């Protein structure tokens, strides 16, 4: 019924997202 909540991570560093995406890099990060 359209219920939602927002939560932020405590002490979360601001991150810059790489404009060039890489499924291979992501797959490695997920695996480990």
ModelCIF file with pLDDT and N, C-alpha, C, O atoms, coordinates in Angstrom:
data_MODEL
#
_entry.id   MODEL 
#
_entity.id                         1 
_entity.type                       polymer 
_entity.pdbx_number_of_molecules   1 
#
_entity_poly.entity_id                      1 
_entity_poly.type                           'polypeptide(L)' 
_entity_poly.nstd_linkage                   no 
_entity_poly.nstd_monomer                   no 
_entity_poly.pdbx_seq_one_letter_code       
;(UNK)(UNK)(UNK)(UNK)(UNK)(UNK)(UNK)(UNK)(UNK)(UNK)(UNK)(UNK)(UNK)(UNK)(UNK)(UNK)
(UNK)(UNK)(UNK)(UNK)(UNK)(UNK)(UNK)(UNK)(UNK)(UNK)(UNK)(UNK)(UNK)(UNK)(UNK)(UNK)
;
_entity_poly.pdbx_seq_one_letter_code_can   XXXXXXXXXXXXXXXXXXXXXXXXXXXXXXXX 
_entity_poly.pdbx_strand_id                 A 
#
loop_
_entity_poly_seq.entity_id 
_entity_poly_seq.num 
_entity_poly_seq.mon_id 
_entity_poly_seq.hetero 
1 1  UNK n 
1 2  UNK n 
1 3  UNK n 
1 4  UNK n 
1 5  UNK n 
1 6  UNK n 
1 7  UNK n 
1 8  UNK n 
1 9  UNK n 
1 10 UNK n 
1 11 UNK n 
1 12 UNK n 
1 13 UNK n 
1 14 UNK n 
1 15 UNK n 
1 16 UNK n 
1 17 UNK n 
1 18 UNK n 
1 19 UNK n 
1 20 UNK n 
1 21 UNK n 
1 22 UNK n 
1 23 UNK n 
1 24 UNK n 
1 25 UNK n 
1 26 UNK n 
1 27 UNK n 
1 28 UNK n 
1 29 UNK n 
1 30 UNK n 
1 31 UNK n 
1 32 UNK n 
#
_struct_asym.id          A 
_struct_asym.entity_id   1 
#
loop_
_ma_qa_metric.id 
_ma_qa_metric.mode 
_ma_qa_metric.name 
_ma_qa_metric.software_group_id 
_ma_qa_metric.type 
1 global pLDDT . pLDDT 
2 local  pLDDT . pLDDT 
#
_ma_qa_metric_global.metric_id      1 
_ma_qa_metric_global.metric_value   92.38 
_ma_qa_metric_global.model_id       1 
_ma_qa_metric_global.ordinal_id     1 
#
loop_
_ma_qa_metric_local.label_asym_id 
_ma_qa_metric_local.label_comp_id 
_ma_qa_metric_local.label_seq_id 
_ma_qa_metric_local.metric_id 
_ma_qa_metric_local.metric_value 
_ma_qa_metric_local.model_id 
_ma_qa_metric_local.ordinal_id 
A UNK 1  2 95.00 1 1  
A UNK 2  2 94.00 1 2  
A UNK 3  2 96.00 1 3  
A UNK 4  2 96.00 1 4  
A UNK 5  2 94.00 1 5  
A UNK 6  2 93.00 1 6  
A UNK 7  2 87.00 1 7  
A UNK 8  2 83.00 1 8  
A UNK 9  2 76.00 1 9  
A UNK 10 2 72.00 1 10 
A UNK 11 2 73.00 1 11 
A UNK 12 2 84.00 1 12 
A UNK 13 2 87.00 1 13 
A UNK 14 2 93.00 1 14 
A UNK 15 2 96.00 1 15 
A UNK 16 2 97.00 1 16 
A UNK 17 2 98.00 1 17 
A UNK 18 2 97.00 1 18 
A UNK 19 2 96.00 1 19 
A UNK 20 2 96.00 1 20 
A UNK 21 2 97.00 1 21 
A UNK 22 2 97.00 1 22 
A UNK 23 2 97.00 1 23 
A UNK 24 2 97.00 1 24 
A UNK 25 2 97.00 1 25 
A UNK 26 2 97.00 1 26 
A UNK 27 2 97.00 1 27 
A UNK 28 2 97.00 1 28 
A UNK 29 2 96.00 1 29 
A UNK 30 2 94.00 1 30 
A UNK 31 2 94.00 1 31 
A UNK 32 2 93.00 1 32 
#
loop_
_atom_site.group_PDB 
_atom_site.id 
_atom_site.type_symbol 
_atom_site.label_atom_id 
_atom_site.label_alt_id 
_atom_site.label_comp_id 
_atom_site.label_asym_id 
_atom_site.label_entity_id 
_atom_site.label_seq_id 
_atom_site.pdbx_PDB_ins_code 
_atom_site.Cartn_x 
_atom_site.Cartn_y 
_atom_site.Cartn_z 
_atom_site.occupancy 
_atom_site.B_iso_or_equiv 
_atom_site.pdbx_formal_charge 
_atom_site.auth_seq_id 
_atom_site.auth_comp_id 
_atom_site.auth_asym_id 
_atom_site.auth_atom_id 
_atom_site.pdbx_PDB_model_num 
ATOM 1   N N  . UNK A 1 1  ? 0.817  -1.222  0.000   1.00 95.00 ? 1  UNK A N  1 
ATOM 2   C CA . UNK A 1 1  ? 0.000  0.000   0.000   1.00 95.00 ? 1  UNK A CA 1 
ATOM 3   C C  . UNK A 1 1  ? 0.853  1.276   0.000   1.00 95.00 ? 1  UNK A C  1 
ATOM 4   O O  . UNK A 1 1  ? 0.570  2.219   0.738   1.00 95.00 ? 1  UNK A O  1 
ATOM 5   N N  . UNK A 1 2  ? 1.887  1.293   -0.825  1.00 94.00 ? 2  UNK A N  1 
ATOM 6   C CA . UNK A 1 2  ? 2.749  2.462   -1.002  1.00 94.00 ? 2  UNK A CA 1 
ATOM 7   C C  . UNK A 1 2  ? 3.474  2.907   0.269   1.00 94.00 ? 2  UNK A C  1 
ATOM 8   O O  . UNK A 1 2  ? 3.915  4.052   0.359   1.00 94.00 ? 2  UNK A O  1 
ATOM 9   N N  . UNK A 1 3  ? 3.598  2.019   1.242   1.00 96.00 ? 3  UNK A N  1 
ATOM 10  C CA . UNK A 1 3  ? 4.338  2.329   2.465   1.00 96.00 ? 3  UNK A CA 1 
ATOM 11  C C  . UNK A 1 3  ? 5.829  2.299   2.163   1.00 96.00 ? 3  UNK A C  1 
ATOM 12  O O  . UNK A 1 3  ? 6.305  1.394   1.477   1.00 96.00 ? 3  UNK A O  1 
ATOM 13  N N  . UNK A 1 4  ? 6.576  3.287   2.673   1.00 96.00 ? 4  UNK A N  1 
ATOM 14  C CA . UNK A 1 4  ? 8.030  3.278   2.498   1.00 96.00 ? 4  UNK A CA 1 
ATOM 15  C C  . UNK A 1 4  ? 8.716  4.010   3.644   1.00 96.00 ? 4  UNK A C  1 
ATOM 16  O O  . UNK A 1 4  ? 8.139  4.883   4.292   1.00 96.00 ? 4  UNK A O  1 
ATOM 17  N N  . UNK A 1 5  ? 9.961  3.626   3.870   1.00 94.00 ? 5  UNK A N  1 
ATOM 18  C CA . UNK A 1 5  ? 10.829 4.254   4.859   1.00 94.00 ? 5  UNK A CA 1 
ATOM 19  C C  . UNK A 1 5  ? 12.193 4.463   4.236   1.00 94.00 ? 5  UNK A C  1 
ATOM 20  O O  . UNK A 1 5  ? 12.611 3.695   3.369   1.00 94.00 ? 5  UNK A O  1 
ATOM 21  N N  . UNK A 1 6  ? 12.887 5.500   4.674   1.00 93.00 ? 6  UNK A N  1 
ATOM 22  C CA . UNK A 1 6  ? 14.261 5.732   4.226   1.00 93.00 ? 6  UNK A CA 1 
ATOM 23  C C  . UNK A 1 6  ? 15.192 5.579   5.407   1.00 93.00 ? 6  UNK A C  1 
ATOM 24  O O  . UNK A 1 6  ? 14.887 6.001   6.522   1.00 93.00 ? 6  UNK A O  1 
ATOM 25  N N  . UNK A 1 7  ? 16.334 4.967   5.143   1.00 87.00 ? 7  UNK A N  1 
ATOM 26  C CA . UNK A 1 7  ? 17.358 4.808   6.175   1.00 87.00 ? 7  UNK A CA 1 
ATOM 27  C C  . UNK A 1 7  ? 18.707 5.087   5.549   1.00 87.00 ? 7  UNK A C  1 
ATOM 28  O O  . UNK A 1 7  ? 18.982 4.660   4.428   1.00 87.00 ? 7  UNK A O  1 
ATOM 29  N N  . UNK A 1 8  ? 19.543 5.802   6.272   1.00 83.00 ? 8  UNK A N  1 
ATOM 30  C CA . UNK A 1 8  ? 20.902 6.060   5.808   1.00 83.00 ? 8  UNK A CA 1 
ATOM 31  C C  . UNK A 1 8  ? 21.868 5.253   6.661   1.00 83.00 ? 8  UNK A C  1 
ATOM 32  O O  . UNK A 1 8  ? 21.623 5.012   7.843   1.00 83.00 ? 8  UNK A O  1 
ATOM 33  N N  . UNK A 1 9  ? 22.965 4.840   6.045   1.00 76.00 ? 9  UNK A N  1 
ATOM 34  C CA . UNK A 1 9  ? 23.996 4.122   6.777   1.00 76.00 ? 9  UNK A CA 1 
ATOM 35  C C  . UNK A 1 9  ? 24.761 5.105   7.656   1.00 76.00 ? 9  UNK A C  1 
ATOM 36  O O  . UNK A 1 9  ? 25.124 6.192   7.207   1.00 76.00 ? 9  UNK A O  1 
ATOM 37  N N  . UNK A 1 10 ? 25.004 4.729   8.891   1.00 72.00 ? 10 UNK A N  1 
ATOM 38  C CA . UNK A 1 10 ? 25.826 5.550   9.774   1.00 72.00 ? 10 UNK A CA 1 
ATOM 39  C C  . UNK A 1 10 ? 27.277 5.508   9.300   1.00 72.00 ? 10 UNK A C  1 
ATOM 40  O O  . UNK A 1 10 ? 27.769 4.467   8.866   1.00 72.00 ? 10 UNK A O  1 
ATOM 41  N N  . UNK A 1 11 ? 27.946 6.643   9.387   1.00 73.00 ? 11 UNK A N  1 
ATOM 42  C CA . UNK A 1 11 ? 29.364 6.745   9.034   1.00 73.00 ? 11 UNK A CA 1 
ATOM 43  C C  . UNK A 1 11 ? 29.663 6.205   7.634   1.00 73.00 ? 11 UNK A C  1 
ATOM 44  O O  . UNK A 1 11 ? 30.654 5.505   7.427   1.00 73.00 ? 11 UNK A O  1 
ATOM 45  N N  . UNK A 1 12 ? 28.814 6.530   6.702   1.00 84.00 ? 12 UNK A N  1 
ATOM 46  C CA . UNK A 1 12 ? 28.971 6.063   5.324   1.00 84.00 ? 12 UNK A CA 1 
ATOM 47  C C  . UNK A 1 12 ? 29.717 7.131   4.528   1.00 84.00 ? 12 UNK A C  1 
ATOM 48  O O  . UNK A 1 12 ? 29.259 8.272   4.456   1.00 84.00 ? 12 UNK A O  1 
ATOM 49  N N  . UNK A 1 13 ? 30.858 6.785   3.929   1.00 87.00 ? 13 UNK A N  1 
ATOM 50  C CA . UNK A 1 13 ? 31.607 7.794   3.164   1.00 87.00 ? 13 UNK A CA 1 
ATOM 51  C C  . UNK A 1 13 ? 30.905 8.103   1.840   1.00 87.00 ? 13 UNK A C  1 
ATOM 52  O O  . UNK A 1 13 ? 30.348 7.209   1.203   1.00 87.00 ? 13 UNK A O  1 
ATOM 53  N N  . UNK A 1 14 ? 30.937 9.370   1.434   1.00 93.00 ? 14 UNK A N  1 
ATOM 54  C CA . UNK A 1 14 ? 30.388 9.725   0.123   1.00 93.00 ? 14 UNK A CA 1 
ATOM 55  C C  . UNK A 1 14 ? 31.252 9.056   -0.941  1.00 93.00 ? 14 UNK A C  1 
ATOM 56  O O  . UNK A 1 14 ? 32.478 9.163   -0.909  1.00 93.00 ? 14 UNK A O  1 
ATOM 57  N N  . UNK A 1 15 ? 30.618 8.375   -1.871  1.00 96.00 ? 15 UNK A N  1 
ATOM 58  C CA . UNK A 1 15 ? 31.342 7.636   -2.905  1.00 96.00 ? 15 UNK A CA 1 
ATOM 59  C C  . UNK A 1 15 ? 31.051 8.219   -4.286  1.00 96.00 ? 15 UNK A C  1 
ATOM 60  O O  . UNK A 1 15 ? 29.935 8.660   -4.564  1.00 96.00 ? 15 UNK A O  1 
ATOM 61  N N  . UNK A 1 16 ? 32.052 8.215   -5.131  1.00 97.00 ? 16 UNK A N  1 
ATOM 62  C CA . UNK A 1 16 ? 31.886 8.667   -6.512  1.00 97.00 ? 16 UNK A CA 1 
ATOM 63  C C  . UNK A 1 16 ? 31.690 7.432   -7.376  1.00 97.00 ? 16 UNK A C  1 
ATOM 64  O O  . UNK A 1 16 ? 32.492 6.500   -7.343  1.00 97.00 ? 16 UNK A O  1 
ATOM 65  N N  . UNK A 1 17 ? 30.613 7.440   -8.149  1.00 98.00 ? 17 UNK A N  1 
ATOM 66  C CA . UNK A 1 17 ? 30.283 6.305   -9.009  1.00 98.00 ? 17 UNK A CA 1 
ATOM 67  C C  . UNK A 1 17 ? 31.064 6.429   -10.315 1.00 98.00 ? 17 UNK A C  1 
ATOM 68  O O  . UNK A 1 17 ? 31.004 7.457   -10.989 1.00 98.00 ? 17 UNK A O  1 
ATOM 69  N N  . UNK A 1 18 ? 31.783 5.392   -10.658 1.00 97.00 ? 18 UNK A N  1 
ATOM 70  C CA . UNK A 1 18 ? 32.547 5.348   -11.898 1.00 97.00 ? 18 UNK A CA 1 
ATOM 71  C C  . UNK A 1 18 ? 31.586 5.429   -13.084 1.00 97.00 ? 18 UNK A C  1 
ATOM 72  O O  . UNK A 1 18 ? 30.605 4.687   -13.130 1.00 97.00 ? 18 UNK A O  1 
ATOM 73  N N  . UNK A 1 19 ? 31.852 6.317   -14.038 1.00 96.00 ? 19 UNK A N  1 
ATOM 74  C CA . UNK A 1 19 ? 30.997 6.444   -15.217 1.00 96.00 ? 19 UNK A CA 1 
ATOM 75  C C  . UNK A 1 19 ? 31.111 5.252   -16.156 1.00 96.00 ? 19 UNK A C  1 
ATOM 76  O O  . UNK A 1 19 ? 30.204 4.984   -16.945 1.00 96.00 ? 19 UNK A O  1 
ATOM 77  N N  . UNK A 1 20 ? 32.227 4.542   -16.068 1.00 96.00 ? 20 UNK A N  1 
ATOM 78  C CA . UNK A 1 20 ? 32.407 3.346   -16.900 1.00 96.00 ? 20 UNK A CA 1 
ATOM 79  C C  . UNK A 1 20 ? 32.059 2.128   -16.063 1.00 96.00 ? 20 UNK A C  1 
ATOM 80  O O  . UNK A 1 20 ? 32.807 1.745   -15.163 1.00 96.00 ? 20 UNK A O  1 
ATOM 81  N N  . UNK A 1 21 ? 30.924 1.526   -16.365 1.00 97.00 ? 21 UNK A N  1 
ATOM 82  C CA . UNK A 1 21 ? 30.492 0.373   -15.584 1.00 97.00 ? 21 UNK A CA 1 
ATOM 83  C C  . UNK A 1 21 ? 31.196 -0.897  -16.056 1.00 97.00 ? 21 UNK A C  1 
ATOM 84  O O  . UNK A 1 21 ? 31.580 -1.027  -17.219 1.00 97.00 ? 21 UNK A O  1 
ATOM 85  N N  . UNK A 1 22 ? 31.351 -1.822  -15.122 1.00 97.00 ? 22 UNK A N  1 
ATOM 86  C CA . UNK A 1 22 ? 32.029 -3.080  -15.411 1.00 97.00 ? 22 UNK A CA 1 
ATOM 87  C C  . UNK A 1 22 ? 31.359 -4.222  -14.658 1.00 97.00 ? 22 UNK A C  1 
ATOM 88  O O  . UNK A 1 22 ? 31.485 -4.337  -13.439 1.00 97.00 ? 22 UNK A O  1 
ATOM 89  N N  . UNK A 1 23 ? 30.645 -5.065  -15.403 1.00 97.00 ? 23 UNK A N  1 
ATOM 90  C CA . UNK A 1 23 ? 30.019 -6.232  -14.794 1.00 97.00 ? 23 UNK A CA 1 
ATOM 91  C C  . UNK A 1 23 ? 31.087 -7.173  -14.236 1.00 97.00 ? 23 UNK A C  1 
ATOM 92  O O  . UNK A 1 23 ? 30.848 -7.859  -13.242 1.00 97.00 ? 23 UNK A O  1 
ATOM 93  N N  . UNK A 1 24 ? 32.257 -7.211  -14.864 1.00 97.00 ? 24 UNK A N  1 
ATOM 94  C CA . UNK A 1 24 ? 33.332 -8.096  -14.406 1.00 97.00 ? 24 UNK A CA 1 
ATOM 95  C C  . UNK A 1 24 ? 33.850 -7.656  -13.033 1.00 97.00 ? 24 UNK A C  1 
ATOM 96  O O  . UNK A 1 24 ? 34.033 -8.483  -12.139 1.00 97.00 ? 24 UNK A O  1 
ATOM 97  N N  . UNK A 1 25 ? 34.085 -6.351  -12.871 1.00 97.00 ? 25 UNK A N  1 
ATOM 98  C CA . UNK A 1 25 ? 34.530 -5.840  -11.563 1.00 97.00 ? 25 UNK A CA 1 
ATOM 99  C C  . UNK A 1 25 ? 33.472 -6.122  -10.498 1.00 97.00 ? 25 UNK A C  1 
ATOM 100 O O  . UNK A 1 25 ? 33.790 -6.531  -9.382  1.00 97.00 ? 25 UNK A O  1 
ATOM 101 N N  . UNK A 1 26 ? 32.218 -5.896  -10.859 1.00 97.00 ? 26 UNK A N  1 
ATOM 102 C CA . UNK A 1 26 ? 31.134 -6.126  -9.914  1.00 97.00 ? 26 UNK A CA 1 
ATOM 103 C C  . UNK A 1 26 ? 31.047 -7.597  -9.542  1.00 97.00 ? 26 UNK A C  1 
ATOM 104 O O  . UNK A 1 26 ? 30.862 -7.932  -8.372  1.00 97.00 ? 26 UNK A O  1 
ATOM 105 N N  . UNK A 1 27 ? 31.177 -8.470  -10.520 1.00 97.00 ? 27 UNK A N  1 
ATOM 106 C CA . UNK A 1 27 ? 31.105 -9.912  -10.246 1.00 97.00 ? 27 UNK A CA 1 
ATOM 107 C C  . UNK A 1 27 ? 32.196 -10.330 -9.251  1.00 97.00 ? 27 UNK A C  1 
ATOM 108 O O  . UNK A 1 27 ? 31.948 -11.116 -8.336  1.00 97.00 ? 27 UNK A O  1 
ATOM 109 N N  . UNK A 1 28 ? 33.402 -9.793  -9.445  1.00 97.00 ? 28 UNK A N  1 
ATOM 110 C CA . UNK A 1 28 ? 34.499 -10.102 -8.520  1.00 97.00 ? 28 UNK A CA 1 
ATOM 111 C C  . UNK A 1 28 ? 34.173 -9.580  -7.116  1.00 97.00 ? 28 UNK A C  1 
ATOM 112 O O  . UNK A 1 28 ? 34.346 -10.299 -6.132  1.00 97.00 ? 28 UNK A O  1 
ATOM 113 N N  . UNK A 1 29 ? 33.700 -8.327  -7.022  1.00 96.00 ? 29 UNK A N  1 
ATOM 114 C CA . UNK A 1 29 ? 33.358 -7.745  -5.723  1.00 96.00 ? 29 UNK A CA 1 
ATOM 115 C C  . UNK A 1 29 ? 32.268 -8.557  -5.028  1.00 96.00 ? 29 UNK A C  1 
ATOM 116 O O  . UNK A 1 29 ? 32.340 -8.789  -3.821  1.00 96.00 ? 29 UNK A O  1 
ATOM 117 N N  . UNK A 1 30 ? 31.261 -8.989  -5.785  1.00 94.00 ? 30 UNK A N  1 
ATOM 118 C CA . UNK A 1 30 ? 30.188 -9.809  -5.218  1.00 94.00 ? 30 UNK A CA 1 
ATOM 119 C C  . UNK A 1 30 ? 30.714 -11.141 -4.704  1.00 94.00 ? 30 UNK A C  1 
ATOM 120 O O  . UNK A 1 30 ? 30.347 -11.585 -3.616  1.00 94.00 ? 30 UNK A O  1 
ATOM 121 N N  . UNK A 1 31 ? 31.562 -11.764 -5.478  1.00 94.00 ? 31 UNK A N  1 
ATOM 122 C CA . UNK A 1 31 ? 32.093 -13.087 -5.106  1.00 94.00 ? 31 UNK A CA 1 
ATOM 123 C C  . UNK A 1 31 ? 32.831 -13.028 -3.775  1.00 94.00 ? 31 UNK A C  1 
ATOM 124 O O  . UNK A 1 31 ? 32.572 -13.832 -2.880  1.00 94.00 ? 31 UNK A O  1 
ATOM 125 N N  . UNK A 1 32 ? 33.749 -12.074 -3.646  1.00 93.00 ? 32 UNK A N  1 
ATOM 126 C CA . UNK A 1 32 ? 34.517 -12.025 -2.399  1.00 93.00 ? 32 UNK A CA 1 
ATOM 127 C C  . UNK A 1 32 ? 33.668 -11.540 -1.225  1.00 93.00 ? 32 UNK A C  1 
ATOM 128 O O  . UNK A 1 32 ? 34.165 -11.441 -0.103  1.00 93.00 ? 32 UNK A O  1 
#
